[in-house]
Structures are given as C-alpha cells and as structure tokens.
C-alpha atoms as a PDB file:
ATOM      1  CA  MET A   1      -0.353  35.642 -80.654  1.00  0.00           C
ATOM      2  CA  ARG A   2      -0.885  39.077 -79.108  1.00  0.00           C
ATOM      3  CA  GLU A   3      -4.646  38.500 -79.090  1.00  0.00           C
ATOM      4  CA  GLN A   4      -4.237  35.154 -77.330  1.00  0.00           C
ATOM      5  CA  THR A   5      -1.948  36.699 -74.700  1.00  0.00           C
ATOM      6  CA  ALA A   6      -4.407  39.547 -74.133  1.00  0.00           C
ATOM      7  CA  ARG A   7      -7.270  37.073 -73.746  1.00  0.00           C
ATOM      8  CA  GLU A   8      -5.300  35.100 -71.175  1.00  0.00           C
ATOM      9  CA  ASP A   9      -4.517  38.329 -69.283  1.00  0.00           C
ATOM     10  CA  ALA A  10      -8.211  39.269 -69.283  1.00  0.00           C
ATOM     11  CA  GLU A  11      -9.152  35.837 -67.986  1.00  0.00           C
ATOM     12  CA  ARG A  12      -6.665  36.223 -65.117  1.00  0.00           C
ATOM     13  CA  LEU A  13      -8.178  39.596 -64.235  1.00  0.00           C
ATOM     14  CA  THR A  14     -11.645  38.039 -64.291  1.00  0.00           C
ATOM     15  CA  ALA A  15     -10.537  35.279 -61.925  1.00  0.00           C
ATOM     16  CA  GLY A  16      -9.211  37.881 -59.505  1.00  0.00           C
ATOM     17  CA  TYR A  17     -12.565  39.634 -59.244  1.00  0.00           C
ATOM     18  CA  ILE A  18     -14.839  36.610 -59.577  1.00  0.00           C
ATOM     19  CA  ALA A  19     -16.324  36.877 -56.076  1.00  0.00           C
ATOM     20  CA  PHE A  20     -17.394  40.465 -56.766  1.00  0.00           C
ATOM     21  CA  LEU A  21     -18.635  39.780 -60.288  1.00  0.00           C
ATOM     22  CA  THR A  22     -20.914  36.866 -59.341  1.00  0.00           C
ATOM     23  CA  GLN A  23     -22.530  38.874 -56.523  1.00  0.00           C
ATOM     24  CA  ALA A  24     -22.999  42.079 -58.524  1.00  0.00           C
ATOM     25  CA  THR A  25     -26.578  43.330 -58.716  1.00  0.00           C
ATOM     26  CA  ASP A  26     -25.974  44.842 -62.150  1.00  0.00           C
ATOM     27  CA  GLY A  27     -25.278  42.851 -65.267  1.00  0.00           C
ATOM     28  CA  VAL A  28     -21.529  42.506 -65.855  1.00  0.00           C
ATOM     29  CA  LEU A  29     -19.660  41.311 -68.939  1.00  0.00           C
ATOM     30  CA  ILE A  30     -16.002  41.071 -69.875  1.00  0.00           C
ATOM     31  CA  VAL A  31     -14.947  41.045 -73.520  1.00  0.00           C
ATOM     32  CA  ASP A  32     -11.560  40.414 -75.120  1.00  0.00           C
ATOM     33  CA  LEU A  33      -9.889  42.571 -77.763  1.00  0.00           C
ATOM     34  CA  ALA A  34     -11.969  40.963 -80.508  1.00  0.00           C
ATOM     35  CA  GLY A  35     -15.228  41.789 -78.712  1.00  0.00           C
ATOM     36  CA  ARG A  36     -15.915  38.187 -77.688  1.00  0.00           C
ATOM     37  CA  ILE A  37     -17.563  37.679 -74.310  1.00  0.00           C
ATOM     38  CA  THR A  38     -15.195  35.924 -71.901  1.00  0.00           C
ATOM     39  CA  TYR A  39     -17.374  36.352 -68.800  1.00  0.00           C
ATOM     40  CA  VAL A  40     -21.044  37.134 -68.167  1.00  0.00           C
ATOM     41  CA  ASN A  41     -22.846  37.049 -64.820  1.00  0.00           C
ATOM     42  CA  GLY A  42     -26.348  35.873 -64.027  1.00  0.00           C
ATOM     43  CA  ALA A  43     -27.771  39.402 -63.714  1.00  0.00           C
ATOM     44  CA  ALA A  44     -26.808  40.120 -67.327  1.00  0.00           C
ATOM     45  CA  LYS A  45     -28.464  36.885 -68.476  1.00  0.00           C
ATOM     46  CA  LEU A  46     -31.710  38.005 -66.826  1.00  0.00           C
ATOM     47  CA  LEU A  47     -31.677  40.920 -69.254  1.00  0.00           C
ATOM     48  CA  ASP A  48     -30.828  38.830 -72.316  1.00  0.00           C
ATOM     49  CA  ASP A  49     -30.103  35.117 -72.140  1.00  0.00           C
ATOM     50  CA  THR A  50     -28.351  35.243 -75.521  1.00  0.00           C
ATOM     51  CA  LEU A  51     -25.420  36.839 -73.701  1.00  0.00           C
ATOM     52  CA  GLN A  52     -23.161  33.812 -73.559  1.00  0.00           C
ATOM     53  CA  VAL A  53     -19.440  33.198 -73.203  1.00  0.00           C
ATOM     54  CA  GLY A  54     -17.837  33.017 -76.637  1.00  0.00           C
ATOM     55  CA  ARG A  55     -20.443  35.177 -78.337  1.00  0.00           C
ATOM     56  CA  SER A  56     -19.182  38.155 -80.320  1.00  0.00           C
ATOM     57  CA  LEU A  57     -20.786  41.496 -79.541  1.00  0.00           C
ATOM     58  CA  ALA A  58     -20.304  42.422 -83.225  1.00  0.00           C
ATOM     59  CA  ILE A  59     -18.313  45.524 -82.332  1.00  0.00           C
ATOM     60  CA  PRO A  60     -19.298  48.280 -84.799  1.00  0.00           C
ATOM     61  CA  THR A  61     -16.812  50.147 -86.954  1.00  0.00           C
ATOM     62  CA  ASP A  62     -16.268  53.914 -86.891  1.00  0.00           C
ATOM     63  CA  ASP A  63     -18.326  54.134 -90.076  1.00  0.00           C
ATOM     64  CA  ASP A  64     -21.301  52.237 -88.687  1.00  0.00           C
ATOM     65  CA  LEU A  65     -22.348  53.116 -85.161  1.00  0.00           C
ATOM     66  CA  SER A  66     -26.073  52.654 -85.814  1.00  0.00           C
ATOM     67  CA  LEU A  67     -27.353  49.836 -83.634  1.00  0.00           C
ATOM     68  CA  PRO A  68     -30.906  48.639 -82.967  1.00  0.00           C
ATOM     69  CA  GLU A  69     -31.948  49.452 -79.414  1.00  0.00           C
ATOM     70  CA  ASP A  70     -34.086  46.421 -78.671  1.00  0.00           C
ATOM     71  CA  GLN A  71     -31.583  43.854 -77.345  1.00  0.00           C
ATOM     72  CA  ALA A  72     -29.260  43.906 -74.354  1.00  0.00           C
ATOM     73  CA  HIS A  73     -26.320  42.392 -76.237  1.00  0.00           C
ATOM     74  CA  LEU A  74     -26.438  45.329 -78.625  1.00  0.00           C
ATOM     75  CA  CYS A  75     -26.517  47.937 -75.855  1.00  0.00           C
ATOM     76  CA  ALA A  76     -23.348  46.279 -74.542  1.00  0.00           C
ATOM     77  CA  ALA A  77     -21.620  46.506 -77.934  1.00  0.00           C
ATOM     78  CA  LEU A  78     -21.220  50.289 -78.139  1.00  0.00           C
ATOM     79  CA  PRO A  79     -19.624  50.793 -74.692  1.00  0.00           C
ATOM     80  CA  ALA A  80     -17.410  47.762 -75.391  1.00  0.00           C
ATOM     81  CA  PHE A  81     -16.279  49.269 -78.694  1.00  0.00           C
ATOM     82  CA  ARG A  82     -15.373  52.569 -77.040  1.00  0.00           C
ATOM     83  CA  ALA A  83     -13.781  50.980 -73.953  1.00  0.00           C
ATOM     84  CA  LEU A  84     -11.554  48.842 -76.182  1.00  0.00           C
ATOM     85  CA  ARG A  85     -10.254  52.115 -77.644  1.00  0.00           C
ATOM     86  CA  GLY A  86      -9.227  53.168 -74.121  1.00  0.00           C
ATOM     87  CA  GLU A  87     -12.253  55.326 -73.277  1.00  0.00           C
ATOM     88  CA  ASN A  88     -14.261  55.315 -70.052  1.00  0.00           C
ATOM     89  CA  VAL A  89     -17.933  55.173 -71.036  1.00  0.00           C
ATOM     90  CA  VAL A  90     -20.639  56.314 -68.612  1.00  0.00           C
ATOM     91  CA  GLY A  91     -24.411  56.341 -68.794  1.00  0.00           C
ATOM     92  CA  ILE A  92     -25.558  55.297 -72.269  1.00  0.00           C
ATOM     93  CA  GLU A  93     -29.299  54.586 -71.937  1.00  0.00           C
ATOM     94  CA  TRP A  94     -31.263  52.013 -73.935  1.00  0.00           C
ATOM     95  CA  ARG A  95     -34.798  50.658 -73.970  1.00  0.00           C
ATOM     96  CA  ILE A  96     -34.914  46.863 -74.202  1.00  0.00           C
ATOM     97  CA  ARG A  97     -37.307  44.013 -73.565  1.00  0.00           C
ATOM     98  CA  ARG A  98     -35.946  41.736 -70.828  1.00  0.00           C
ATOM     99  CA  ILE A  99     -36.285  37.962 -71.079  1.00  0.00           C
ATOM    100  CA  ASP A 100     -39.303  38.151 -68.738  1.00  0.00           C
ATOM    101  CA  GLY A 101     -41.084  40.336 -71.295  1.00  0.00           C
ATOM    102  CA  ILE A 102     -40.782  43.559 -69.275  1.00  0.00           C
ATOM    103  CA  GLU A 103     -39.663  46.700 -71.098  1.00  0.00           C
ATOM    104  CA  ALA A 104     -36.754  48.179 -69.194  1.00  0.00           C
ATOM    105  CA  THR A 105     -34.395  51.127 -69.293  1.00  0.00           C
ATOM    106  CA  ILE A 106     -30.768  49.972 -69.207  1.00  0.00           C
ATOM    107  CA  ARG A 107     -27.848  52.256 -68.431  1.00  0.00           C
ATOM    108  CA  SER A 108     -24.652  50.802 -69.874  1.00  0.00           C
ATOM    109  CA  CYS A 109     -21.084  51.709 -68.933  1.00  0.00           C
ATOM    110  CA  GLY A 110     -17.698  50.431 -70.041  1.00  0.00           C
ATOM    111  CA  VAL A 111     -14.106  50.655 -68.853  1.00  0.00           C
ATOM    112  CA  PRO A 112     -10.945  49.313 -70.488  1.00  0.00           C
ATOM    113  CA  LEU A 113      -9.037  46.490 -68.809  1.00  0.00           C
ATOM    114  CA  LEU A 114      -5.309  47.148 -68.801  1.00  0.00           C
ATOM    115  CA  SER A 115      -2.310  44.857 -68.569  1.00  0.00           C
ATOM    116  CA  ALA A 116       0.520  45.522 -66.112  1.00  0.00           C
ATOM    117  CA  GLY A 117       2.232  47.373 -68.949  1.00  0.00           C
ATOM    118  CA  GLY A 118      -0.752  49.675 -69.485  1.00  0.00           C
ATOM    119  CA  GLN A 119      -2.031  48.084 -72.719  1.00  0.00           C
ATOM    120  CA  VAL A 120      -5.740  47.545 -73.309  1.00  0.00           C
ATOM    121  CA  ILE A 121      -6.441  43.803 -73.134  1.00  0.00           C
ATOM    122  CA  GLY A 122     -10.231  43.831 -72.898  1.00  0.00           C
ATOM    123  CA  ALA A 123     -13.196  45.721 -71.497  1.00  0.00           C
ATOM    124  CA  LEU A 124     -15.593  45.425 -68.585  1.00  0.00           C
ATOM    125  CA  ILE A 125     -19.209  46.336 -69.349  1.00  0.00           C
ATOM    126  CA  ARG A 126     -21.866  47.075 -66.734  1.00  0.00           C
ATOM    127  CA  LEU A 127     -25.583  46.953 -67.565  1.00  0.00           C
ATOM    128  CA  GLN A 128     -27.630  48.683 -64.870  1.00  0.00           C
ATOM    129  CA  ASP A 129     -31.364  47.987 -64.892  1.00  0.00           C
ATOM    130  CA  GLU A 130     -32.975  51.322 -63.988  1.00  0.00           C
ATOM    131  CA  THR A 131     -36.343  49.586 -63.741  1.00  0.00           C
ATOM    132  CA  ALA A 132     -35.354  48.147 -60.362  1.00  0.00           C
ATOM    133  CA  ALA A 133     -35.589  51.655 -58.892  1.00  0.00           C
ATOM    134  CA  THR A 134     -39.406  51.543 -59.077  1.00  0.00           C
ATOM    135  CA  ILE A 135     -39.931  49.120 -56.184  1.00  0.00           C
ATOM    136  CA  GLY A 136     -42.099  51.584 -54.240  1.00  0.00           C
ATOM    137  CA  GLU A 137     -44.443  51.991 -57.208  1.00  0.00           C
ATOM    138  CA  ASP A 138     -44.551  48.252 -57.892  1.00  0.00           C
ATOM    139  CA  GLN A 139     -45.395  47.113 -54.367  1.00  0.00           C
ATOM    140  CA  ASP A 140     -49.086  48.005 -54.731  1.00  0.00           C
ATOM    141  CA  ALA A 141     -49.357  46.568 -58.251  1.00  0.00           C
ATOM    142  CA  ALA A 142     -50.494  43.024 -59.011  1.00  0.00           C
ATOM    143  CA  PRO A 143     -47.546  40.593 -58.967  1.00  0.00           C
ATOM    144  CA  ASP A 144     -46.401  38.803 -62.104  1.00  0.00           C
ATOM    145  CA  PHE A 145     -46.193  35.488 -60.251  1.00  0.00           C
ATOM    146  CA  GLN A 146     -48.012  34.505 -57.063  1.00  0.00           C
ATOM    147  CA  VAL A 147     -48.452  31.284 -55.153  1.00  0.00           C
ATOM    148  CA  GLY A 148     -49.867  31.325 -51.655  1.00  0.00           C
ATOM    149  CA  ASP A 149     -48.350  34.232 -49.722  1.00  0.00           C
ATOM    150  CA  LEU A 150     -45.332  34.470 -52.002  1.00  0.00           C
ATOM    151  CA  ALA A 151     -45.391  37.069 -54.786  1.00  0.00           C
ATOM    152  CA  ILE A 152     -42.802  38.120 -57.357  1.00  0.00           C
ATOM    153  CA  HIS A 153     -42.789  41.365 -59.345  1.00  0.00           C
ATOM    154  CA  TYR A 154     -40.502  40.776 -62.324  1.00  0.00           C
ATOM    155  CA  HIS A 155     -40.599  44.461 -63.277  1.00  0.00           C
ATOM    156  CA  SER A 156     -38.786  45.643 -60.136  1.00  0.00           C
ATOM    157  CA  LYS A 157     -37.416  42.289 -58.899  1.00  0.00           C
ATOM    158  CA  LEU A 158     -39.526  42.792 -55.780  1.00  0.00           C
ATOM    159  CA  VAL A 159     -40.380  39.650 -53.780  1.00  0.00           C
ATOM    160  CA  THR A 160     -42.938  39.747 -50.985  1.00  0.00           C
ATOM    161  CA  LEU A 161     -44.149  37.226 -48.413  1.00  0.00           C
ATOM    162  CA  LYS A 162     -47.530  37.996 -46.836  1.00  0.00           C
ATOM    163  CA  GLY A 163     -47.241  41.450 -48.372  1.00  0.00           C
ATOM    164  CA  GLN A 164     -43.886  42.210 -46.762  1.00  0.00           C
ATOM    165  CA  PRO A 165     -40.767  42.723 -48.911  1.00  0.00           C
ATOM    166  CA  VAL A 166     -38.217  39.903 -48.748  1.00  0.00           C
ATOM    167  CA  LYS A 167     -34.609  41.043 -49.042  1.00  0.00           C
ATOM    168  CA  LEU A 168     -32.757  38.700 -51.386  1.00  0.00           C
ATOM    169  CA  SER A 169     -29.170  38.814 -52.584  1.00  0.00           C
ATOM    170  CA  PRO A 170     -28.658  39.019 -56.378  1.00  0.00           C
ATOM    171  CA  ILE A 171     -27.944  35.283 -56.586  1.00  0.00           C
ATOM    172  CA  GLU A 172     -30.898  34.377 -54.349  1.00  0.00           C
ATOM    173  CA  TYR A 173     -33.212  36.372 -56.610  1.00  0.00           C
ATOM    174  CA  GLN A 174     -31.781  34.816 -59.766  1.00  0.00           C
ATOM    175  CA  LEU A 175     -32.282  31.346 -58.248  1.00  0.00           C
ATOM    176  CA  LEU A 176     -35.879  32.106 -57.263  1.00  0.00           C
ATOM    177  CA  TYR A 177     -36.558  33.634 -60.678  1.00  0.00           C
ATOM    178  CA  ARG A 178     -35.252  30.600 -62.570  1.00  0.00           C
ATOM    179  CA  LEU A 179     -37.213  28.184 -60.384  1.00  0.00           C
ATOM    180  CA  ALA A 180     -40.465  30.170 -60.442  1.00  0.00           C
ATOM    181  CA  ARG A 181     -40.386  30.678 -64.206  1.00  0.00           C
ATOM    182  CA  ASN A 182     -40.113  26.902 -64.550  1.00  0.00           C
ATOM    183  CA  ALA A 183     -42.618  26.038 -61.809  1.00  0.00           C
ATOM    184  CA  GLY A 184     -43.445  22.317 -61.807  1.00  0.00           C
ATOM    185  CA  ARG A 185     -40.346  21.396 -63.822  1.00  0.00           C
ATOM    186  CA  ILE A 186     -37.130  19.902 -62.460  1.00  0.00           C
ATOM    187  CA  LEU A 187     -34.131  22.128 -63.125  1.00  0.00           C
ATOM    188  CA  PRO A 188     -30.856  20.170 -63.062  1.00  0.00           C
ATOM    189  CA  VAL A 189     -28.123  21.517 -60.815  1.00  0.00           C
ATOM    190  CA  GLN A 190     -25.793  22.026 -63.789  1.00  0.00           C
ATOM    191  CA  THR A 191     -28.425  24.119 -65.572  1.00  0.00           C
ATOM    192  CA  LEU A 192     -28.725  26.384 -62.534  1.00  0.00           C
ATOM    193  CA  LEU A 193     -24.939  26.664 -62.265  1.00  0.00           C
ATOM    194  CA  ASP A 194     -24.581  27.623 -65.929  1.00  0.00           C
ATOM    195  CA  ARG A 195     -27.434  30.141 -65.948  1.00  0.00           C
ATOM    196  CA  ILE A 196     -26.621  31.857 -62.665  1.00  0.00           C
ATOM    197  CA  TRP A 197     -22.855  31.608 -62.243  1.00  0.00           C
ATOM    198  CA  GLY A 198     -21.914  31.224 -65.898  1.00  0.00           C
ATOM    199  CA  THR A 199     -19.786  28.643 -67.627  1.00  0.00           C
ATOM    200  CA  THR A 200     -16.458  30.392 -66.992  1.00  0.00           C
ATOM    201  CA  VAL A 201     -16.784  30.263 -63.212  1.00  0.00           C
ATOM    202  CA  THR A 202     -15.567  27.202 -61.343  1.00  0.00           C
ATOM    203  CA  ALA A 203     -18.853  26.546 -59.554  1.00  0.00           C
ATOM    204  CA  TYR A 204     -19.850  23.407 -57.720  1.00  0.00           C
ATOM    205  CA  ALA A 205     -23.136  21.712 -56.901  1.00  0.00           C
ATOM    206  CA  ASP A 206     -22.693  22.790 -53.281  1.00  0.00           C
ATOM    207  CA  TYR A 207     -23.129  26.409 -54.426  1.00  0.00           C
ATOM    208  CA  VAL A 208     -26.699  25.652 -55.456  1.00  0.00           C
ATOM    209  CA  LYS A 209     -27.343  23.654 -52.290  1.00  0.00           C
ATOM    210  CA  ILE A 210     -26.142  26.544 -50.106  1.00  0.00           C
ATOM    211  CA  TYR A 211     -28.218  29.165 -51.904  1.00  0.00           C
ATOM    212  CA  VAL A 212     -31.324  26.979 -51.970  1.00  0.00           C
ATOM    213  CA  HIS A 213     -30.945  26.642 -48.183  1.00  0.00           C
ATOM    214  CA  ARG A 214     -30.653  30.427 -47.817  1.00  0.00           C
ATOM    215  CA  LEU A 215     -33.599  31.047 -50.112  1.00  0.00           C
ATOM    216  CA  ARG A 216     -35.802  28.570 -48.248  1.00  0.00           C
ATOM    217  CA  ALA A 217     -34.968  30.299 -44.968  1.00  0.00           C
ATOM    218  CA  LYS A 218     -36.334  33.554 -46.398  1.00  0.00           C
ATOM    219  CA  ILE A 219     -39.486  32.409 -48.231  1.00  0.00           C
ATOM    220  CA  GLU A 220     -40.596  29.327 -46.282  1.00  0.00           C
ATOM    221  CA  ARG A 221     -41.912  29.427 -42.738  1.00  0.00           C
ATOM    222  CA  GLN A 222     -42.298  26.650 -40.199  1.00  0.00           C
ATOM    223  CA  GLY A 223     -45.691  25.040 -40.706  1.00  0.00           C
ATOM    224  CA  GLY A 224     -46.185  26.920 -43.959  1.00  0.00           C
ATOM    225  CA  PRO A 225     -46.032  25.773 -47.595  1.00  0.00           C
ATOM    226  CA  ARG A 226     -42.800  24.370 -49.017  1.00  0.00           C
ATOM    227  CA  TYR A 227     -42.020  26.010 -52.332  1.00  0.00           C
ATOM    228  CA  ILE A 228     -38.750  24.370 -53.349  1.00  0.00           C
ATOM    229  CA  GLU A 229     -38.449  20.607 -53.641  1.00  0.00           C
ATOM    230  CA  THR A 230     -35.135  18.767 -53.773  1.00  0.00           C
ATOM    231  CA  VAL A 231     -35.382  15.965 -56.318  1.00  0.00           C
ATOM    232  CA  ARG A 232     -32.521  13.757 -55.215  1.00  0.00           C
ATOM    233  CA  GLY A 233     -30.022  13.052 -57.964  1.00  0.00           C
ATOM    234  CA  LEU A 234     -31.809  15.303 -60.450  1.00  0.00           C
ATOM    235  CA  GLY A 235     -32.109  18.889 -59.241  1.00  0.00           C
ATOM    236  CA  TYR A 236     -34.701  21.256 -57.814  1.00  0.00           C
ATOM    237  CA  ARG A 237     -38.332  22.026 -58.584  1.00  0.00           C
ATOM    238  CA  PHE A 238     -40.520  24.948 -57.606  1.00  0.00           C
ATOM    239  CA  MET A 239     -43.616  23.376 -56.071  1.00  0.00           C
ATOM    240  CA  GLY A 240     -46.182  26.045 -56.813  1.00  0.00           C
ATOM    241  CA  PRO A 241     -49.614  25.237 -58.195  1.00  0.00           C
ATOM    242  CA  SER A 242     -50.058  24.560 -61.899  1.00  0.00           C
ATOM    243  CA  SER A 243     -49.619  27.416 -64.343  1.00  0.00           C
ATOM    244  CA  SER A 244     -53.380  27.800 -64.527  1.00  0.00           C
ATOM    245  CA  MET A 245     -53.383  28.807 -60.867  1.00  0.00           C
ATOM    246  CA  ALA A 246     -50.130  30.782 -60.773  1.00  0.00           C
ATOM    247  CA  ARG A 247     -50.377  34.168 -62.455  1.00  0.00           C
ATOM    248  CA  GLN A 248     -47.475  34.846 -64.775  1.00  0.00           C
ATOM    249  CA  SER A 249     -47.041  37.500 -67.403  1.00  0.00           C
END
C-alpha cells in the first residue's frame, strides 16, 4: 500500500515537471521506490532504447555493487540505488555504447524525490552525454549521415546544412535522428510519440506535426530538396537517397 502511494506521488511530481523533462537535453529518468522506471525522456532513449517505462533497473544490494559498465540502464542503477537511500549523487562516469554505435562517456547523477512529509518516494536520474562537448572537434570530421547539403554527426549530435551548424532543440534533434536512421521508411506518428516523448506523457499527434514543421524550417530551404515527407494517414518518411548513397555508420 505504501509503495503504491509513493508511486502515485512520484507520478504527480513527474506531471508537474513534464514540460521541463521532455525538453531536457540530458537523459532523464524517474524511478519509484522499487527501482522501476516511471518516466524516461527521449534523450535517455537515444543512449539506450531498452530504457522503458515499467522496466526495473535491478537496483543492487549493499553486498553487490559491481555492475557492468557497458549499458546505460546499468549506469542509471547505481545513482538510483543511492538516491533512493536519500543521498544526492553527483558525477559518476561510465563508458557505454550508445544505440547509434558511438562509444560515449556518460556522467550520471541522482537525487531523491520527496513527499510533502519529507519521505523518499522515488528518485530522479540524469544521464549527461559528455560526448556532445566535442562539437568543435567533430565539425571537420566526416559525418555519419549525409544527404545533399544536410549532414549529421551522431557522435556530437552536430547537424550542419551547407557546412553551417544548425541549432536544433533536443526534441527537434531526436525527431531528425529517428527519421534519418530510418531513411526511406514510414514512421507512424504513434511510434514517434512513444520514442521521443515516452509512453507516460500525454502527447498528441499535433506535437509531431508542430515539430516536423519547425524542423523543416531549419533544414529545408525554398527551392532546395525536401527531406521530410508527410505520408497522409500513416506518418512521416525521411526522403534521402537509398542507404547505398547515404553514408551511415
């Protein structure tokens, strides 16, 4: 009963900060007292798409704190374990392989979530991708994906158009990433909602429509190539050349 009440309290806290959480550049998770994920944002899923609502982080015991360092969901487990004991956890570093195949350094932090009465009811975990700090070094390197004048560097999340950096919001980048990695395939609106906003957020099809419009305004120019196709009634498709012409790692 106490666990259920704590979970409901954590869900209410999540709802209160949902606008911030969905826009966060860093990966963000919320776990309940049992270590189950109750919220995960799109940035965290770009690190490890096995991070899903309902999944247990397999919180270690005091006798077994040895964890493999090759998966993002495991680097979230240790700060979650400590935060659920009431500790503030700062700066645990891990080396992982992101879902795009890039090896990255992740700095994980955790803070306890408290009820109005001061009891721990869950934990908020932040996964900061330190790799994104290497944009200056990456700009001269060959992109991981290129079509026409548009180039994407997965390593640093750098996007350029005609060699010039394109400033994208976290959600705009996640949308472009999902579409580009599935170039030529139709991605249903619901799939984009689930992967970017998460299943615990009340998100609507208009969210995708709005962000596709914003993304097009930044990567498509009048008279230039159209990269994103709206497939009415089905979803969206990135209209780059075939995979044999688009360079992906």
